[in-house]
Structure formats: C-alpha cells, structure tokens
C-alpha cells in the first residue's frame, strides 16, 4: 500500500500552458476524457482550469472563446501537495477542500496529480468511499 503521494500519483499529467487558448484546453479535456487541467508557466504550476471554468466563466459571460487565454479563466493558487506528503494527509486535504484531483508539486513544479481513481487503485476502498462522500 502506498505511503506517500509519490507512490500513488499519476506522474507527468496532462497540463496546459497559461498562454494557451481555452479552446485548446477544452479539446484536451474532451479528447482525454478529463474535467480539469493543471496550468503551468515555464514548468511551474500557476493554476487549474476546469470544464466548468470554461462553461461558466468564459462561455457564460459571452467571451469570444477563440481569443480567450487559459490564464484569464483558470483558478489561480490551487490547493497543492508535495510529493513526499503522506497519502492519508493528502486524502484529508482533498476531502476538506472537496477536490477530486490534487496537483502534486516539487519546488512549485508540477510532477503529478493525485486523483480519486489513484486512491482506489491503491486498494484503499474505505478511504476512497470516505473521500467521495466528503466531496
């Protein structure tokens, strides 16, 4: 069983640049079947953009999505965790903040993502159930 996030996280997750278009972000999410993307600028995590951000912040406000940049619609200062953090601590953080995915950083650089599915794959059914219930 995993003891730290590094043992359970998905390494090298898909991400998008802060200066990329939200159309590119939406296409990546559609093609990969995911609902959010870490946003990076020169390798450093600067935010997270979700399909909901695109729908409510950009489209819902009538923005011309062809001209809209990720940096303008992402959530800045996301909740993150260091790769050496104990998995139990990360699960508590996810539950407290109602997060399905938690960016993993080392020196502010994105190195992975911890998702509910990663926790389930570790055979931690009770913790996964508690996390889903909290979210």
Foldseek 3Di string as FASTA:
>chain_A
DDFWQLVQWDWPDDAEEQFAAVVVVVVVCVVVVHFKHFYDDPQFGFFMDGPVLCVCVDVVVPHPRVPHGNNVRTGGPDAAEERGHTPVVVLVVCLVVVHQKHFYDDPRGTTGIHGLVSCVVVVPVVSSVSSVVSD
